[in-house]
């Protein structure tokens, strides 16, 4: 891998970690555990459109592991990995079709992240009662996905104008 690409991917990891930390400082907007804006997903959507799926998945996995080790717990890392894996898979497939804008891809990512975490929680805790959170998480995942997708789209358009 070229030095320039390694440096760029390292910056993406650092930025997504900073956004994760910043997001952890934001007080909960609703009384449902796990509801977040998904700021690190901004980096993932950008990378998916500008760099490629393999690099995006690599950065996402490294970010989840590092953030889990620095600010979380092994259990939170398991939930995050499950959510990130399902989210990335869905976003990669939608993006690959060429039919969807960053907003749609981001919304799918937000929704799938929540589904991945809920399924994992049901398995880990051996109860389906946690699934009652899903409707609220789907709504908040959609709203967050629209916001993140919109901002990612703006960044992508600005960078296209700059010919980077």
N, C-alpha and C. Protein backbone atom coordinates (compact mmCIF):
# COMPACT_ATOMS: atom_id res chain seq x y z
N UNK A 1 0.85 -1.18 0.00
CA UNK A 1 0.00 0.00 0.00
C UNK A 1 0.89 1.24 0.00
N UNK A 2 0.53 2.20 -0.77
CA UNK A 2 1.33 3.42 -0.86
C UNK A 2 1.23 4.23 0.43
N UNK A 3 2.28 4.94 0.72
CA UNK A 3 2.35 5.74 1.94
C UNK A 3 1.21 6.75 2.01
N UNK A 4 0.90 7.37 0.89
CA UNK A 4 -0.17 8.37 0.86
C UNK A 4 -1.52 7.75 1.24
N UNK A 5 -1.78 6.54 0.75
CA UNK A 5 -3.05 5.88 1.05
C UNK A 5 -3.10 5.46 2.52
N UNK A 6 -2.00 4.95 3.05
CA UNK A 6 -1.94 4.57 4.46
C UNK A 6 -2.18 5.79 5.34
N UNK A 7 -1.56 6.92 4.99
CA UNK A 7 -1.74 8.15 5.76
C UNK A 7 -3.21 8.61 5.69
N UNK A 8 -3.81 8.54 4.50
CA UNK A 8 -5.20 8.96 4.35
C UNK A 8 -6.13 8.07 5.17
N UNK A 9 -5.94 6.75 5.10
CA UNK A 9 -6.78 5.83 5.86
C UNK A 9 -6.58 6.03 7.37
N UNK A 10 -5.36 6.32 7.77
CA UNK A 10 -5.09 6.60 9.18
C UNK A 10 -5.82 7.86 9.63
N UNK A 11 -5.86 8.87 8.78
CA UNK A 11 -6.61 10.09 9.10
C UNK A 11 -8.10 9.79 9.21
N UNK A 12 -8.61 8.91 8.35
CA UNK A 12 -10.03 8.54 8.42
C UNK A 12 -10.33 7.80 9.72
N UNK A 13 -9.43 6.92 10.14
CA UNK A 13 -9.60 6.22 11.41
C UNK A 13 -9.61 7.23 12.56
N UNK A 14 -8.64 8.13 12.54
CA UNK A 14 -8.55 9.14 13.61
C UNK A 14 -9.80 10.03 13.64
N UNK A 15 -10.24 10.48 12.46
CA UNK A 15 -11.43 11.33 12.41
C UNK A 15 -12.66 10.59 12.91
N UNK A 16 -12.83 9.35 12.50
CA UNK A 16 -14.00 8.59 12.96
C UNK A 16 -13.93 8.32 14.47
N UNK A 17 -12.72 8.14 15.01
CA UNK A 17 -12.57 7.96 16.46
C UNK A 17 -12.90 9.26 17.20
N UNK A 18 -12.46 10.38 16.65
CA UNK A 18 -12.77 11.67 17.27
C UNK A 18 -14.28 11.91 17.25
N UNK A 19 -14.93 11.59 16.13
CA UNK A 19 -16.38 11.76 16.04
C UNK A 19 -17.10 10.82 17.01
N UNK A 20 -16.57 9.61 17.20
CA UNK A 20 -17.14 8.68 18.19
C UNK A 20 -17.05 9.26 19.59
N UNK A 21 -15.88 9.77 19.91
CA UNK A 21 -15.68 10.36 21.24
C UNK A 21 -16.59 11.57 21.42
N UNK A 22 -16.61 12.45 20.43
CA UNK A 22 -17.47 13.64 20.50
C UNK A 22 -18.93 13.24 20.69
N UNK A 23 -19.35 12.22 19.96
CA UNK A 23 -20.73 11.75 20.07
C UNK A 23 -21.04 11.23 21.47
N UNK A 24 -20.04 10.63 22.12
CA UNK A 24 -20.25 10.11 23.48
C UNK A 24 -20.46 11.25 24.48
N UNK A 25 -20.02 12.45 24.13
CA UNK A 25 -20.18 13.61 25.02
C UNK A 25 -21.55 14.27 24.88
N UNK A 26 -22.26 13.95 23.80
CA UNK A 26 -23.58 14.54 23.57
C UNK A 26 -24.59 13.85 24.50
N UNK A 27 -25.33 14.63 25.29
CA UNK A 27 -26.32 14.01 26.18
C UNK A 27 -27.40 13.29 25.36
N UNK A 28 -27.97 12.22 25.92
CA UNK A 28 -29.03 11.49 25.20
C UNK A 28 -30.19 12.41 24.82
N UNK A 29 -30.63 12.29 23.57
CA UNK A 29 -31.73 13.12 23.09
C UNK A 29 -33.09 12.52 23.44
N UNK A 30 -33.11 11.21 23.64
CA UNK A 30 -34.33 10.50 24.05
C UNK A 30 -33.96 9.53 25.15
N UNK A 31 -34.97 9.00 25.83
CA UNK A 31 -34.74 8.13 26.98
C UNK A 31 -34.50 6.68 26.60
N UNK A 32 -34.24 6.42 25.34
CA UNK A 32 -34.01 5.04 24.89
C UNK A 32 -32.51 4.80 24.80
N UNK A 33 -32.01 3.76 25.47
CA UNK A 33 -30.57 3.48 25.41
C UNK A 33 -30.12 3.18 23.98
N UNK A 34 -28.93 3.66 23.64
CA UNK A 34 -28.34 3.35 22.35
C UNK A 34 -28.68 4.30 21.22
N UNK A 35 -29.49 5.30 21.48
CA UNK A 35 -29.85 6.25 20.43
C UNK A 35 -28.72 7.26 20.28
N UNK A 36 -28.13 7.28 19.08
CA UNK A 36 -27.05 8.22 18.78
C UNK A 36 -27.23 8.75 17.37
N UNK A 37 -26.52 9.81 17.07
CA UNK A 37 -26.60 10.41 15.74
C UNK A 37 -25.83 9.57 14.72
N UNK A 38 -24.77 8.92 15.15
CA UNK A 38 -23.96 8.12 14.23
C UNK A 38 -22.93 8.95 13.49
N UNK A 39 -22.32 9.90 14.19
CA UNK A 39 -21.35 10.79 13.55
C UNK A 39 -20.22 10.05 12.84
N UNK A 40 -19.69 8.94 13.39
CA UNK A 40 -18.62 8.24 12.66
C UNK A 40 -19.07 7.71 11.30
N UNK A 41 -20.38 7.51 11.14
CA UNK A 41 -20.90 7.03 9.87
C UNK A 41 -20.69 8.05 8.75
N UNK A 42 -20.50 9.30 9.12
CA UNK A 42 -20.19 10.33 8.14
C UNK A 42 -18.90 9.97 7.39
N UNK A 43 -17.91 9.52 8.13
CA UNK A 43 -16.64 9.11 7.51
C UNK A 43 -16.86 7.87 6.64
N UNK A 44 -17.68 6.93 7.11
CA UNK A 44 -17.90 5.69 6.36
C UNK A 44 -18.62 5.95 5.05
N UNK A 45 -19.64 6.80 5.07
CA UNK A 45 -20.38 7.11 3.83
C UNK A 45 -19.45 7.83 2.85
N UNK A 46 -18.69 8.79 3.36
CA UNK A 46 -17.73 9.49 2.51
C UNK A 46 -16.76 8.50 1.88
N UNK A 47 -16.16 7.64 2.69
CA UNK A 47 -15.18 6.68 2.19
C UNK A 47 -15.78 5.72 1.18
N UNK A 48 -17.01 5.29 1.45
CA UNK A 48 -17.66 4.35 0.54
C UNK A 48 -17.78 4.94 -0.86
N UNK A 49 -18.08 6.23 -0.94
CA UNK A 49 -18.25 6.88 -2.24
C UNK A 49 -16.92 7.32 -2.85
N UNK A 50 -15.93 7.62 -2.04
CA UNK A 50 -14.68 8.16 -2.57
C UNK A 50 -13.53 7.15 -2.64
N UNK A 51 -13.52 6.16 -1.78
CA UNK A 51 -12.36 5.27 -1.68
C UNK A 51 -12.71 3.85 -2.14
N UNK A 52 -13.70 3.24 -1.47
CA UNK A 52 -14.09 1.89 -1.83
C UNK A 52 -14.53 1.07 -0.64
N UNK A 53 -15.20 -0.05 -0.89
CA UNK A 53 -15.78 -0.84 0.20
C UNK A 53 -14.75 -1.52 1.10
N UNK A 54 -13.68 -2.04 0.53
CA UNK A 54 -12.69 -2.75 1.35
C UNK A 54 -12.04 -1.81 2.36
N UNK A 55 -11.61 -0.65 1.90
CA UNK A 55 -10.97 0.32 2.77
C UNK A 55 -11.96 0.85 3.81
N UNK A 56 -13.21 1.05 3.40
CA UNK A 56 -14.24 1.52 4.33
C UNK A 56 -14.47 0.50 5.43
N UNK A 57 -14.58 -0.77 5.05
CA UNK A 57 -14.78 -1.82 6.05
C UNK A 57 -13.58 -1.92 6.99
N UNK A 58 -12.39 -1.80 6.44
CA UNK A 58 -11.18 -1.86 7.26
C UNK A 58 -11.15 -0.73 8.28
N UNK A 59 -11.41 0.48 7.84
CA UNK A 59 -11.42 1.64 8.74
C UNK A 59 -12.51 1.47 9.79
N UNK A 60 -13.67 1.01 9.39
CA UNK A 60 -14.78 0.84 10.33
C UNK A 60 -14.44 -0.17 11.42
N UNK A 61 -13.90 -1.31 11.04
CA UNK A 61 -13.56 -2.34 12.02
C UNK A 61 -12.47 -1.85 12.97
N UNK A 62 -11.45 -1.21 12.43
CA UNK A 62 -10.37 -0.69 13.28
C UNK A 62 -10.93 0.35 14.25
N UNK A 63 -11.79 1.24 13.76
CA UNK A 63 -12.39 2.25 14.63
C UNK A 63 -13.19 1.62 15.75
N UNK A 64 -14.03 0.65 15.43
CA UNK A 64 -14.87 0.02 16.45
C UNK A 64 -14.00 -0.64 17.51
N UNK A 65 -12.96 -1.33 17.09
CA UNK A 65 -12.09 -2.01 18.05
C UNK A 65 -11.35 -1.00 18.92
N UNK A 66 -10.76 0.02 18.31
CA UNK A 66 -10.02 1.02 19.09
C UNK A 66 -10.92 1.81 20.04
N UNK A 67 -12.08 2.23 19.56
CA UNK A 67 -13.01 2.97 20.41
C UNK A 67 -13.51 2.07 21.54
N UNK A 68 -13.78 0.81 21.23
CA UNK A 68 -14.21 -0.13 22.25
C UNK A 68 -13.15 -0.32 23.33
N UNK A 69 -11.90 -0.43 22.91
CA UNK A 69 -10.81 -0.60 23.87
C UNK A 69 -10.57 0.67 24.70
N UNK A 70 -10.70 1.82 24.07
CA UNK A 70 -10.41 3.08 24.77
C UNK A 70 -11.57 3.58 25.63
N UNK A 71 -12.79 3.49 25.12
CA UNK A 71 -13.92 4.13 25.79
C UNK A 71 -15.06 3.19 26.16
N UNK A 72 -14.97 1.93 25.77
CA UNK A 72 -16.09 1.02 25.98
C UNK A 72 -15.72 -0.19 26.80
N UNK A 73 -16.40 -1.26 26.47
CA UNK A 73 -16.20 -2.54 27.15
C UNK A 73 -16.24 -3.63 26.09
N UNK A 74 -15.84 -4.84 26.46
CA UNK A 74 -15.93 -5.93 25.48
C UNK A 74 -17.36 -6.13 24.96
N UNK A 75 -18.33 -5.96 25.83
CA UNK A 75 -19.72 -6.14 25.41
C UNK A 75 -20.15 -5.04 24.45
N UNK A 76 -19.77 -3.80 24.73
CA UNK A 76 -20.13 -2.71 23.82
C UNK A 76 -19.44 -2.89 22.48
N UNK A 77 -18.24 -3.46 22.50
CA UNK A 77 -17.51 -3.72 21.26
C UNK A 77 -18.24 -4.78 20.41
N UNK A 78 -18.80 -5.78 21.06
CA UNK A 78 -19.55 -6.82 20.35
C UNK A 78 -20.78 -6.21 19.68
N UNK A 79 -21.51 -5.37 20.42
CA UNK A 79 -22.69 -4.72 19.84
C UNK A 79 -22.30 -3.82 18.67
N UNK A 80 -21.24 -3.06 18.86
CA UNK A 80 -20.79 -2.14 17.81
C UNK A 80 -20.31 -2.88 16.57
N UNK A 81 -19.58 -3.97 16.77
CA UNK A 81 -19.11 -4.75 15.62
C UNK A 81 -20.27 -5.34 14.84
N UNK A 82 -21.27 -5.85 15.56
CA UNK A 82 -22.44 -6.43 14.88
C UNK A 82 -23.19 -5.36 14.10
N UNK A 83 -23.41 -4.21 14.74
CA UNK A 83 -24.10 -3.12 14.06
C UNK A 83 -23.31 -2.60 12.87
N UNK A 84 -22.01 -2.42 13.05
CA UNK A 84 -21.17 -1.91 11.97
C UNK A 84 -21.10 -2.88 10.80
N UNK A 85 -21.01 -4.18 11.10
CA UNK A 85 -20.92 -5.18 10.03
C UNK A 85 -22.19 -5.20 9.18
N UNK A 86 -23.34 -5.25 9.84
CA UNK A 86 -24.60 -5.29 9.10
C UNK A 86 -24.82 -3.97 8.35
N UNK A 87 -24.50 -2.86 9.01
CA UNK A 87 -24.64 -1.55 8.38
C UNK A 87 -23.78 -1.44 7.13
N UNK A 88 -22.52 -1.81 7.26
CA UNK A 88 -21.61 -1.73 6.11
C UNK A 88 -22.03 -2.63 4.97
N UNK A 89 -22.44 -3.83 5.31
CA UNK A 89 -22.88 -4.76 4.26
C UNK A 89 -24.03 -4.15 3.46
N UNK A 90 -25.03 -3.62 4.16
CA UNK A 90 -26.16 -3.00 3.48
C UNK A 90 -25.77 -1.79 2.67
N UNK A 91 -24.92 -0.94 3.25
CA UNK A 91 -24.51 0.27 2.53
C UNK A 91 -23.68 -0.08 1.29
N UNK A 92 -22.80 -1.06 1.42
CA UNK A 92 -21.98 -1.47 0.27
C UNK A 92 -22.86 -2.00 -0.85
N UNK A 93 -23.83 -2.84 -0.50
CA UNK A 93 -24.71 -3.41 -1.53
C UNK A 93 -25.55 -2.33 -2.22
N UNK A 94 -26.11 -1.40 -1.43
CA UNK A 94 -26.91 -0.32 -2.03
C UNK A 94 -26.05 0.60 -2.90
N UNK A 95 -24.88 0.95 -2.42
CA UNK A 95 -23.99 1.84 -3.16
C UNK A 95 -23.55 1.17 -4.46
N UNK A 96 -23.30 -0.13 -4.39
CA UNK A 96 -22.81 -0.88 -5.55
C UNK A 96 -23.82 -0.87 -6.71
N UNK A 97 -25.10 -0.76 -6.42
CA UNK A 97 -26.11 -0.74 -7.49
C UNK A 97 -26.01 0.54 -8.32
N UNK A 98 -25.50 1.60 -7.70
CA UNK A 98 -25.41 2.88 -8.40
C UNK A 98 -26.74 3.62 -8.47
N UNK A 99 -27.75 3.11 -7.80
CA UNK A 99 -29.09 3.69 -7.88
C UNK A 99 -29.42 4.64 -6.74
N UNK A 100 -28.58 4.65 -5.72
CA UNK A 100 -28.96 5.36 -4.50
C UNK A 100 -27.98 6.47 -4.15
N UNK A 101 -28.56 7.57 -3.67
CA UNK A 101 -27.78 8.72 -3.21
C UNK A 101 -27.22 8.44 -1.81
N UNK A 102 -26.25 9.23 -1.39
CA UNK A 102 -25.68 9.04 -0.05
C UNK A 102 -26.72 9.06 1.07
N UNK A 103 -27.78 9.85 0.93
CA UNK A 103 -28.80 9.90 1.98
C UNK A 103 -29.45 8.53 2.14
N UNK A 104 -29.85 7.91 1.05
CA UNK A 104 -30.50 6.59 1.11
C UNK A 104 -29.55 5.55 1.67
N UNK A 105 -28.31 5.57 1.22
CA UNK A 105 -27.31 4.62 1.70
C UNK A 105 -27.08 4.81 3.20
N UNK A 106 -27.02 6.05 3.64
CA UNK A 106 -26.81 6.35 5.05
C UNK A 106 -28.01 5.93 5.90
N UNK A 107 -29.22 6.17 5.41
CA UNK A 107 -30.42 5.75 6.14
C UNK A 107 -30.42 4.23 6.31
N UNK A 108 -30.12 3.52 5.24
CA UNK A 108 -30.05 2.06 5.33
C UNK A 108 -28.99 1.64 6.35
N UNK A 109 -27.85 2.34 6.35
CA UNK A 109 -26.79 2.03 7.31
C UNK A 109 -27.24 2.25 8.74
N UNK A 110 -27.93 3.36 8.99
CA UNK A 110 -28.42 3.66 10.34
C UNK A 110 -29.42 2.63 10.82
N UNK A 111 -30.35 2.26 9.95
CA UNK A 111 -31.37 1.28 10.31
C UNK A 111 -30.73 -0.09 10.55
N UNK A 112 -29.86 -0.50 9.64
CA UNK A 112 -29.23 -1.82 9.77
C UNK A 112 -28.30 -1.89 10.98
N UNK A 113 -27.66 -0.79 11.32
CA UNK A 113 -26.82 -0.76 12.52
C UNK A 113 -27.66 -1.07 13.76
N UNK A 114 -28.82 -0.42 13.84
CA UNK A 114 -29.71 -0.66 14.98
C UNK A 114 -30.23 -2.08 15.01
N UNK A 115 -30.58 -2.61 13.85
CA UNK A 115 -31.06 -4.00 13.78
C UNK A 115 -29.96 -4.96 14.22
N UNK A 116 -28.74 -4.74 13.75
CA UNK A 116 -27.62 -5.59 14.14
C UNK A 116 -27.38 -5.57 15.64
N UNK A 117 -27.48 -4.41 16.24
CA UNK A 117 -27.28 -4.31 17.68
C UNK A 117 -28.41 -4.97 18.47
N UNK A 118 -29.64 -4.79 18.02
CA UNK A 118 -30.78 -5.39 18.72
C UNK A 118 -30.73 -6.91 18.63
N UNK A 119 -30.44 -7.44 17.45
CA UNK A 119 -30.34 -8.90 17.29
C UNK A 119 -29.23 -9.45 18.19
N UNK A 120 -28.11 -8.76 18.21
CA UNK A 120 -26.99 -9.19 19.06
C UNK A 120 -27.39 -9.14 20.54
N UNK A 121 -28.07 -8.07 20.95
CA UNK A 121 -28.51 -7.95 22.34
C UNK A 121 -29.49 -9.07 22.69
N UNK A 122 -30.38 -9.41 21.79
CA UNK A 122 -31.33 -10.50 22.04
C UNK A 122 -30.59 -11.82 22.24
N UNK A 123 -29.55 -12.04 21.45
CA UNK A 123 -28.77 -13.28 21.56
C UNK A 123 -27.95 -13.28 22.85
N UNK A 124 -27.24 -12.19 23.11
CA UNK A 124 -26.37 -12.11 24.29
C UNK A 124 -27.17 -12.21 25.58
N UNK A 125 -28.31 -11.54 25.63
CA UNK A 125 -29.11 -11.51 26.85
C UNK A 125 -30.17 -12.60 26.90
N UNK A 126 -30.24 -13.42 25.86
CA UNK A 126 -31.19 -14.54 25.79
C UNK A 126 -32.63 -14.10 26.04
N UNK A 127 -33.01 -12.99 25.45
CA UNK A 127 -34.38 -12.51 25.57
C UNK A 127 -34.76 -11.72 24.32
N UNK A 128 -36.01 -11.83 23.97
CA UNK A 128 -36.50 -11.06 22.82
C UNK A 128 -37.14 -9.75 23.27
N UNK A 129 -37.22 -9.54 24.59
CA UNK A 129 -37.85 -8.33 25.12
C UNK A 129 -37.17 -7.04 24.63
N UNK A 130 -35.89 -7.14 24.34
CA UNK A 130 -35.12 -5.97 23.90
C UNK A 130 -35.62 -5.48 22.55
N UNK A 131 -36.23 -6.37 21.79
CA UNK A 131 -36.73 -6.00 20.46
C UNK A 131 -37.81 -4.93 20.54
N UNK A 132 -38.38 -4.70 21.72
CA UNK A 132 -39.37 -3.64 21.86
C UNK A 132 -38.77 -2.25 21.62
N UNK A 133 -37.46 -2.13 21.75
CA UNK A 133 -36.78 -0.88 21.45
C UNK A 133 -36.70 -0.61 19.95
N UNK A 134 -36.86 -1.65 19.16
CA UNK A 134 -36.61 -1.54 17.72
C UNK A 134 -37.41 -0.45 17.01
N UNK A 135 -38.71 -0.30 17.24
CA UNK A 135 -39.44 0.76 16.52
C UNK A 135 -38.85 2.16 16.75
N UNK A 136 -38.52 2.46 17.99
CA UNK A 136 -37.92 3.77 18.29
C UNK A 136 -36.56 3.89 17.62
N UNK A 137 -35.76 2.81 17.68
CA UNK A 137 -34.44 2.84 17.07
C UNK A 137 -34.51 2.95 15.55
N UNK A 138 -35.54 2.36 14.95
CA UNK A 138 -35.69 2.49 13.49
C UNK A 138 -36.02 3.92 13.10
N UNK A 139 -36.85 4.57 13.89
CA UNK A 139 -37.19 5.97 13.61
C UNK A 139 -35.97 6.85 13.80
N UNK A 140 -35.29 6.69 14.92
CA UNK A 140 -34.11 7.53 15.17
C UNK A 140 -32.98 7.20 14.19
N UNK A 141 -32.85 5.94 13.80
CA UNK A 141 -31.85 5.55 12.81
C UNK A 141 -32.13 6.18 11.46
N UNK A 142 -33.40 6.30 11.11
CA UNK A 142 -33.79 6.94 9.86
C UNK A 142 -33.47 8.43 9.89
N UNK A 143 -33.85 9.09 10.97
CA UNK A 143 -33.58 10.53 11.09
C UNK A 143 -32.08 10.80 11.08
N UNK A 144 -31.34 10.03 11.86
CA UNK A 144 -29.89 10.20 11.91
C UNK A 144 -29.27 9.90 10.54
N UNK A 145 -29.77 8.88 9.87
CA UNK A 145 -29.26 8.52 8.55
C UNK A 145 -29.48 9.63 7.53
N UNK A 146 -30.62 10.28 7.61
CA UNK A 146 -30.89 11.40 6.70
C UNK A 146 -29.91 12.54 6.96
N UNK A 147 -29.70 12.86 8.22
CA UNK A 147 -28.78 13.96 8.57
C UNK A 147 -27.36 13.63 8.11
N UNK A 148 -26.88 12.45 8.46
CA UNK A 148 -25.52 12.05 8.12
C UNK A 148 -25.37 11.95 6.59
N UNK A 149 -26.34 11.37 5.92
CA UNK A 149 -26.30 11.24 4.46
C UNK A 149 -26.30 12.58 3.76
N UNK A 150 -27.09 13.51 4.29
CA UNK A 150 -27.15 14.86 3.70
C UNK A 150 -25.79 15.55 3.83
N UNK A 151 -25.23 15.50 5.03
CA UNK A 151 -23.92 16.13 5.25
C UNK A 151 -22.84 15.46 4.40
N UNK A 152 -22.87 14.13 4.33
CA UNK A 152 -21.90 13.41 3.49
C UNK A 152 -22.05 13.81 2.03
N UNK A 153 -23.29 13.95 1.56
CA UNK A 153 -23.53 14.38 0.19
C UNK A 153 -22.96 15.78 -0.07
N UNK A 154 -23.13 16.68 0.89
CA UNK A 154 -22.57 18.03 0.74
C UNK A 154 -21.04 17.98 0.65
N UNK A 155 -20.43 17.18 1.51
CA UNK A 155 -18.97 17.06 1.50
C UNK A 155 -18.50 16.47 0.17
N UNK A 156 -19.18 15.45 -0.31
CA UNK A 156 -18.80 14.83 -1.58
C UNK A 156 -18.91 15.82 -2.74
N UNK A 157 -19.99 16.61 -2.76
CA UNK A 157 -20.16 17.61 -3.82
C UNK A 157 -19.07 18.67 -3.76
N UNK A 158 -18.75 19.13 -2.56
CA UNK A 158 -17.71 20.15 -2.42
C UNK A 158 -16.36 19.61 -2.88
N UNK A 159 -16.07 18.38 -2.53
CA UNK A 159 -14.78 17.79 -2.94
C UNK A 159 -14.74 17.57 -4.45
N UNK A 160 -15.88 17.22 -5.05
CA UNK A 160 -15.91 17.08 -6.51
C UNK A 160 -15.62 18.42 -7.19
N UNK A 161 -16.16 19.50 -6.64
CA UNK A 161 -15.90 20.83 -7.21
C UNK A 161 -14.43 21.21 -7.07
N UNK A 162 -13.80 20.71 -6.00
CA UNK A 162 -12.38 21.02 -5.77
C UNK A 162 -11.46 20.10 -6.58
N UNK A 163 -12.07 19.09 -7.21
CA UNK A 163 -11.33 18.11 -8.03
C UNK A 163 -10.27 17.37 -7.22
N UNK A 164 -10.64 16.93 -6.01
CA UNK A 164 -9.72 16.15 -5.18
C UNK A 164 -9.92 14.68 -5.43
